C-alpha atoms as a PDB file:
ATOM      1  CA  MET A   1     -89.159-186.016  51.101  1.00  0.00           C
ATOM      2  CA  ASN A   2     -85.441-185.478  51.497  1.00  0.00           C
ATOM      3  CA  LEU A   3     -84.597-181.815  51.336  1.00  0.00           C
ATOM      4  CA  LEU A   4     -81.565-182.420  49.141  1.00  0.00           C
ATOM      5  CA  LEU A   5     -83.841-183.972  46.543  1.00  0.00           C
ATOM      6  CA  VAL A   6     -86.239-180.972  46.825  1.00  0.00           C
ATOM      7  CA  ASN A   7     -83.318-178.663  46.336  1.00  0.00           C
ATOM      8  CA  LEU A   8     -82.169-180.460  43.247  1.00  0.00           C
ATOM      9  CA  ILE A   9     -85.766-180.372  41.830  1.00  0.00           C
ATOM     10  CA  LEU A  10     -85.810-176.616  42.522  1.00  0.00           C
ATOM     11  CA  ALA A  11     -82.524-176.274  40.686  1.00  0.00           C
ATOM     12  CA  LEU A  12     -83.899-178.197  37.716  1.00  0.00           C
ATOM     13  CA  GLY A  13     -87.013-176.034  37.784  1.00  0.00           C
ATOM     14  CA  TRP A  14     -84.801-172.930  37.772  1.00  0.00           C
ATOM     15  CA  GLY A  15     -83.041-174.317  34.671  1.00  0.00           C
ATOM     16  CA  ALA A  16     -86.438-175.051  32.962  1.00  0.00           C
ATOM     17  CA  VAL A  17     -87.743-171.592  33.708  1.00  0.00           C
ATOM     18  CA  ASN A  18     -84.546-170.052  32.210  1.00  0.00           C
ATOM     19  CA  GLY A  19     -84.453-172.548  29.343  1.00  0.00           C
ATOM     20  CA  GLU A  20     -80.752-173.108  30.047  1.00  0.00           C
ATOM     21  CA  PHE A  21     -79.309-176.257  31.741  1.00  0.00           C
ATOM     22  CA  THR A  22     -75.733-175.146  31.995  1.00  0.00           C
ATOM     23  CA  LEU A  23     -73.690-175.938  35.078  1.00  0.00           C
ATOM     24  CA  SER A  24     -73.488-172.324  36.216  1.00  0.00           C
ATOM     25  CA  ASN A  25     -77.284-171.930  35.820  1.00  0.00           C
ATOM     26  CA  GLN A  26     -77.904-175.148  37.820  1.00  0.00           C
ATOM     27  CA  VAL A  27     -75.544-173.915  40.551  1.00  0.00           C
ATOM     28  CA  VAL A  28     -77.429-170.599  40.716  1.00  0.00           C
ATOM     29  CA  GLY A  29     -80.732-172.560  40.874  1.00  0.00           C
ATOM     30  CA  PHE A  30     -79.344-174.823  43.634  1.00  0.00           C
ATOM     31  CA  ILE A  31     -78.262-171.789  45.672  1.00  0.00           C
ATOM     32  CA  LEU A  32     -81.625-170.067  45.200  1.00  0.00           C
ATOM     33  CA  GLY A  33     -83.505-173.256  46.066  1.00  0.00           C
ATOM     34  CA  PHE A  34     -81.324-173.623  49.237  1.00  0.00           C
ATOM     35  CA  PHE A  35     -82.229-170.149  50.357  1.00  0.00           C
ATOM     36  CA  CYS A  36     -85.919-170.678  49.578  1.00  0.00           C
ATOM     37  CA  LEU A  37     -85.885-173.885  51.679  1.00  0.00           C
ATOM     38  CA  TRP A  38     -84.067-172.026  54.440  1.00  0.00           C
ATOM     39  CA  LEU A  39     -86.701-169.257  54.429  1.00  0.00           C
ATOM     40  CA  VAL A  40     -89.583-171.790  54.772  1.00  0.00           C
ATOM     41  CA  ARG A  41     -87.915-174.126  57.266  1.00  0.00           C
ATOM     42  CA  PRO A  42     -90.573-173.378  59.997  1.00  0.00           C
ATOM     43  CA  LEU A  43     -93.157-175.130  57.687  1.00  0.00           C
ATOM     44  CA  TYR A  44     -91.562-178.602  57.923  1.00  0.00           C
ATOM     45  CA  GLN A  45     -90.085-180.926  60.591  1.00  0.00           C
ATOM     46  CA  PRO A  46     -86.685-180.068  62.123  1.00  0.00           C
ATOM     47  CA  THR A  47     -83.827-181.201  59.957  1.00  0.00           C
ATOM     48  CA  ARG A  48     -80.026-181.191  59.937  1.00  0.00           C
ATOM     49  CA  TYR A  49     -79.890-180.535  56.136  1.00  0.00           C
ATOM     50  CA  PHE A  50     -78.611-176.956  56.533  1.00  0.00           C
ATOM     51  CA  VAL A  51     -75.996-177.857  59.141  1.00  0.00           C
ATOM     52  CA  LYS A  52     -74.721-180.801  57.026  1.00  0.00           C
ATOM     53  CA  PHE A  53     -74.725-178.647  53.888  1.00  0.00           C
ATOM     54  CA  TRP A  54     -72.389-176.130  55.550  1.00  0.00           C
ATOM     55  CA  ALA A  55     -70.262-178.909  57.021  1.00  0.00           C
ATOM     56  CA  SER A  56     -69.958-180.475  53.550  1.00  0.00           C
ATOM     57  CA  LEU A  57     -68.851-177.099  52.084  1.00  0.00           C
ATOM     58  CA  GLN A  58     -66.266-176.783  54.898  1.00  0.00           C
ATOM     59  CA  LEU A  59     -64.950-180.302  54.126  1.00  0.00           C
ATOM     60  CA  LEU A  60     -64.734-179.388  50.424  1.00  0.00           C
ATOM     61  CA  MET A  61     -62.831-176.145  51.292  1.00  0.00           C
ATOM     62  CA  LEU A  62     -60.480-177.960  53.583  1.00  0.00           C
ATOM     63  CA  PHE A  63     -59.687-180.506  50.949  1.00  0.00           C
ATOM     64  CA  LEU A  64     -59.067-177.819  48.333  1.00  0.00           C
ATOM     65  CA  PHE A  65     -56.704-176.035  50.770  1.00  0.00           C
ATOM     66  CA  GLU A  66     -54.832-179.216  51.616  1.00  0.00           C
ATOM     67  CA  LEU A  67     -54.633-180.046  47.916  1.00  0.00           C
ATOM     68  CA  VAL A  68     -52.979-176.766  46.956  1.00  0.00           C
ATOM     69  CA  LYS A  69     -50.765-176.871  50.066  1.00  0.00           C
ATOM     70  CA  SER A  70     -49.547-180.356  49.393  1.00  0.00           C
ATOM     71  CA  CYS A  71     -49.031-179.686  45.698  1.00  0.00           C
ATOM     72  CA  LEU A  72     -46.723-176.843  46.522  1.00  0.00           C
ATOM     73  CA  ILE A  73     -44.784-178.941  49.081  1.00  0.00           C
ATOM     74  CA  VAL A  74     -44.360-181.841  46.683  1.00  0.00           C
ATOM     75  CA  ALA A  75     -43.379-179.418  43.876  1.00  0.00           C
ATOM     76  CA  LYS A  76     -40.791-177.802  46.179  1.00  0.00           C
ATOM     77  CA  GLN A  77     -39.329-181.181  47.167  1.00  0.00           C
ATOM     78  CA  VAL A  78     -39.151-182.424  43.546  1.00  0.00           C
ATOM     79  CA  LEU A  79     -37.560-179.295  42.238  1.00  0.00           C
ATOM     80  CA  ALA A  80     -35.033-179.068  45.038  1.00  0.00           C
ATOM     81  CA  PRO A  81     -31.444-179.971  44.075  1.00  0.00           C
ATOM     82  CA  ARG A  82     -31.279-182.394  47.036  1.00  0.00           C
ATOM     83  CA  LEU A  83     -33.815-184.863  48.092  1.00  0.00           C
ATOM     84  CA  SER A  84     -34.742-183.904  51.625  1.00  0.00           C
ATOM     85  CA  CYS A  85     -37.936-185.867  52.191  1.00  0.00           C
ATOM     86  CA  CYS A  86     -38.043-188.745  54.672  1.00  0.00           C
ATOM     87  CA  ALA A  87     -40.894-190.983  53.577  1.00  0.00           C
ATOM     88  CA  GLY A  88     -42.634-193.272  55.997  1.00  0.00           C
ATOM     89  CA  ILE A  89     -45.685-195.327  56.890  1.00  0.00           C
ATOM     90  CA  VAL A  90     -47.870-193.946  59.746  1.00  0.00           C
ATOM     91  CA  ALA A  91     -50.679-195.754  61.575  1.00  0.00           C
ATOM     92  CA  ILE A  92     -53.655-193.481  62.287  1.00  0.00           C
ATOM     93  CA  PRO A  93     -56.248-194.641  64.896  1.00  0.00           C
ATOM     94  CA  LEU A  94     -59.670-194.038  63.531  1.00  0.00           C
ATOM     95  CA  ASP A  95     -62.753-192.401  65.125  1.00  0.00           C
ATOM     96  CA  VAL A  96     -64.738-192.888  61.866  1.00  0.00           C
ATOM     97  CA  LYS A  97     -66.548-196.232  61.939  1.00  0.00           C
ATOM     98  CA  SER A  98     -68.901-196.641  58.950  1.00  0.00           C
ATOM     99  CA  ASP A  99     -67.901-197.871  55.607  1.00  0.00           C
ATOM    100  CA  ILE A 100     -68.662-194.554  53.900  1.00  0.00           C
ATOM    101  CA  GLU A 101     -66.736-192.493  56.534  1.00  0.00           C
ATOM    102  CA  ILE A 102     -63.635-194.777  56.215  1.00  0.00           C
ATOM    103  CA  THR A 103     -63.838-194.731  52.406  1.00  0.00           C
ATOM    104  CA  LEU A 104     -64.189-190.990  52.320  1.00  0.00           C
ATOM    105  CA  LEU A 105     -61.165-190.494  54.659  1.00  0.00           C
ATOM    106  CA  ALA A 106     -58.944-192.919  52.732  1.00  0.00           C
ATOM    107  CA  ASN A 107     -59.905-191.338  49.443  1.00  0.00           C
ATOM    108  CA  LEU A 108     -59.310-187.771  50.626  1.00  0.00           C
ATOM    109  CA  ILE A 109     -55.897-188.819  51.915  1.00  0.00           C
ATOM    110  CA  THR A 110     -55.024-190.573  48.661  1.00  0.00           C
ATOM    111  CA  LEU A 111     -56.148-187.649  46.519  1.00  0.00           C
ATOM    112  CA  THR A 112     -53.829-185.331  48.398  1.00  0.00           C
ATOM    113  CA  PRO A 113     -50.398-185.373  46.696  1.00  0.00           C
ATOM    114  CA  GLY A 114     -47.645-186.853  48.853  1.00  0.00           C
ATOM    115  CA  THR A 115     -49.842-189.215  50.779  1.00  0.00           C
ATOM    116  CA  LEU A 116     -51.431-192.587  50.049  1.00  0.00           C
ATOM    117  CA  SER A 117     -53.844-194.848  51.970  1.00  0.00           C
ATOM    118  CA  LEU A 118     -52.386-198.337  52.211  1.00  0.00           C
ATOM    119  CA  HIS A 119     -54.396-200.529  54.457  1.00  0.00           C
ATOM    120  CA  ILE A 120     -57.205-200.645  56.971  1.00  0.00           C
ATOM    121  CA  SER A 121     -56.703-202.997  59.913  1.00  0.00           C
ATOM    122  CA  PRO A 122     -59.047-205.955  60.044  1.00  0.00           C
ATOM    123  CA  ASP A 123     -60.971-204.473  63.008  1.00  0.00           C
ATOM    124  CA  ARG A 124     -61.236-201.182  61.138  1.00  0.00           C
ATOM    125  CA  SER A 125     -59.710-199.179  63.902  1.00  0.00           C
ATOM    126  CA  VAL A 126     -56.409-198.204  62.290  1.00  0.00           C
ATOM    127  CA  LEU A 127     -55.654-196.681  58.767  1.00  0.00           C
ATOM    128  CA  PHE A 128     -52.107-197.088  57.498  1.00  0.00           C
ATOM    129  CA  ILE A 129     -50.847-194.368  55.231  1.00  0.00           C
ATOM    130  CA  HIS A 130     -47.619-193.628  53.305  1.00  0.00           C
ATOM    131  CA  ALA A 131     -46.453-190.061  53.398  1.00  0.00           C
ATOM    132  CA  MET A 132     -43.747-188.599  51.252  1.00  0.00           C
ATOM    133  CA  SER A 133     -42.510-186.386  54.120  1.00  0.00           C
ATOM    134  CA  VAL A 134     -42.837-187.697  57.709  1.00  0.00           C
ATOM    135  CA  SER A 135     -40.607-185.685  59.927  1.00  0.00           C
ATOM    136  CA  ASP A 136     -43.059-185.903  62.809  1.00  0.00           C
ATOM    137  CA  PRO A 137     -45.485-188.839  62.659  1.00  0.00           C
ATOM    138  CA  ASP A 138     -47.548-187.518  65.623  1.00  0.00           C
ATOM    139  CA  ALA A 139     -48.013-184.104  63.933  1.00  0.00           C
ATOM    140  CA  LEU A 140     -49.207-185.924  60.748  1.00  0.00           C
ATOM    141  CA  ARG A 141     -51.645-188.015  62.777  1.00  0.00           C
ATOM    142  CA  GLN A 142     -52.990-185.011  64.591  1.00  0.00           C
ATOM    143  CA  GLU A 143     -53.264-183.025  61.333  1.00  0.00           C
ATOM    144  CA  ILE A 144     -55.393-185.745  59.719  1.00  0.00           C
ATOM    145  CA  LYS A 145     -57.573-186.364  62.823  1.00  0.00           C
ATOM    146  CA  SER A 146     -58.244-182.698  63.409  1.00  0.00           C
ATOM    147  CA  GLY A 147     -58.710-181.955  59.723  1.00  0.00           C
ATOM    148  CA  PHE A 148     -60.242-184.513  57.478  1.00  0.00           C
ATOM    149  CA  GLU A 149     -61.551-186.905  60.084  1.00  0.00           C
ATOM    150  CA  ARG A 150     -63.231-184.289  62.262  1.00  0.00           C
ATOM    151  CA  ARG A 151     -64.880-182.701  59.205  1.00  0.00           C
ATOM    152  CA  ILE A 152     -66.084-186.078  57.907  1.00  0.00           C
ATOM    153  CA  LEU A 153     -67.700-186.758  61.287  1.00  0.00           C
ATOM    154  CA  GLU A 154     -69.459-183.368  61.203  1.00  0.00           C
ATOM    155  CA  VAL A 155     -70.868-184.217  57.717  1.00  0.00           C
ATOM    156  CA  THR A 156     -71.942-187.758  58.437  1.00  0.00           C
ATOM    157  CA  ARG A 157     -73.248-187.670  62.026  1.00  0.00           C
END
């Protein structure tokens, strides 16, 4: 059975034992279930569940950091007396290949203020994005490839 499913069942069991199915109680149950599964990991076949779980948390934390950072940059540009942004369209070569990886990358870029995913090339090797501030396209490409794309690959592969 998938360890994520087992972990969710343990979280529901925790809620049933406590008689409370609130979000905070389910999160506590999930964390407790995670550590219980981690403790008994020698009893089942080797799995990448724990590595992927931490990689998923790192991707979430990166997204939240980029979200706050870009919100502050966009607010600064909007509130400035002079418009100093130089918008542009940037082509980003992709290392992600599957539909879920490309979709996740495009959505994370679109959800970050100041950037928008525009188009995927027909051969699915290039993602075109619009950015509100493109002073250095190569730096933007490198930031996305070493940030979101690398973390997505860690989660999915």
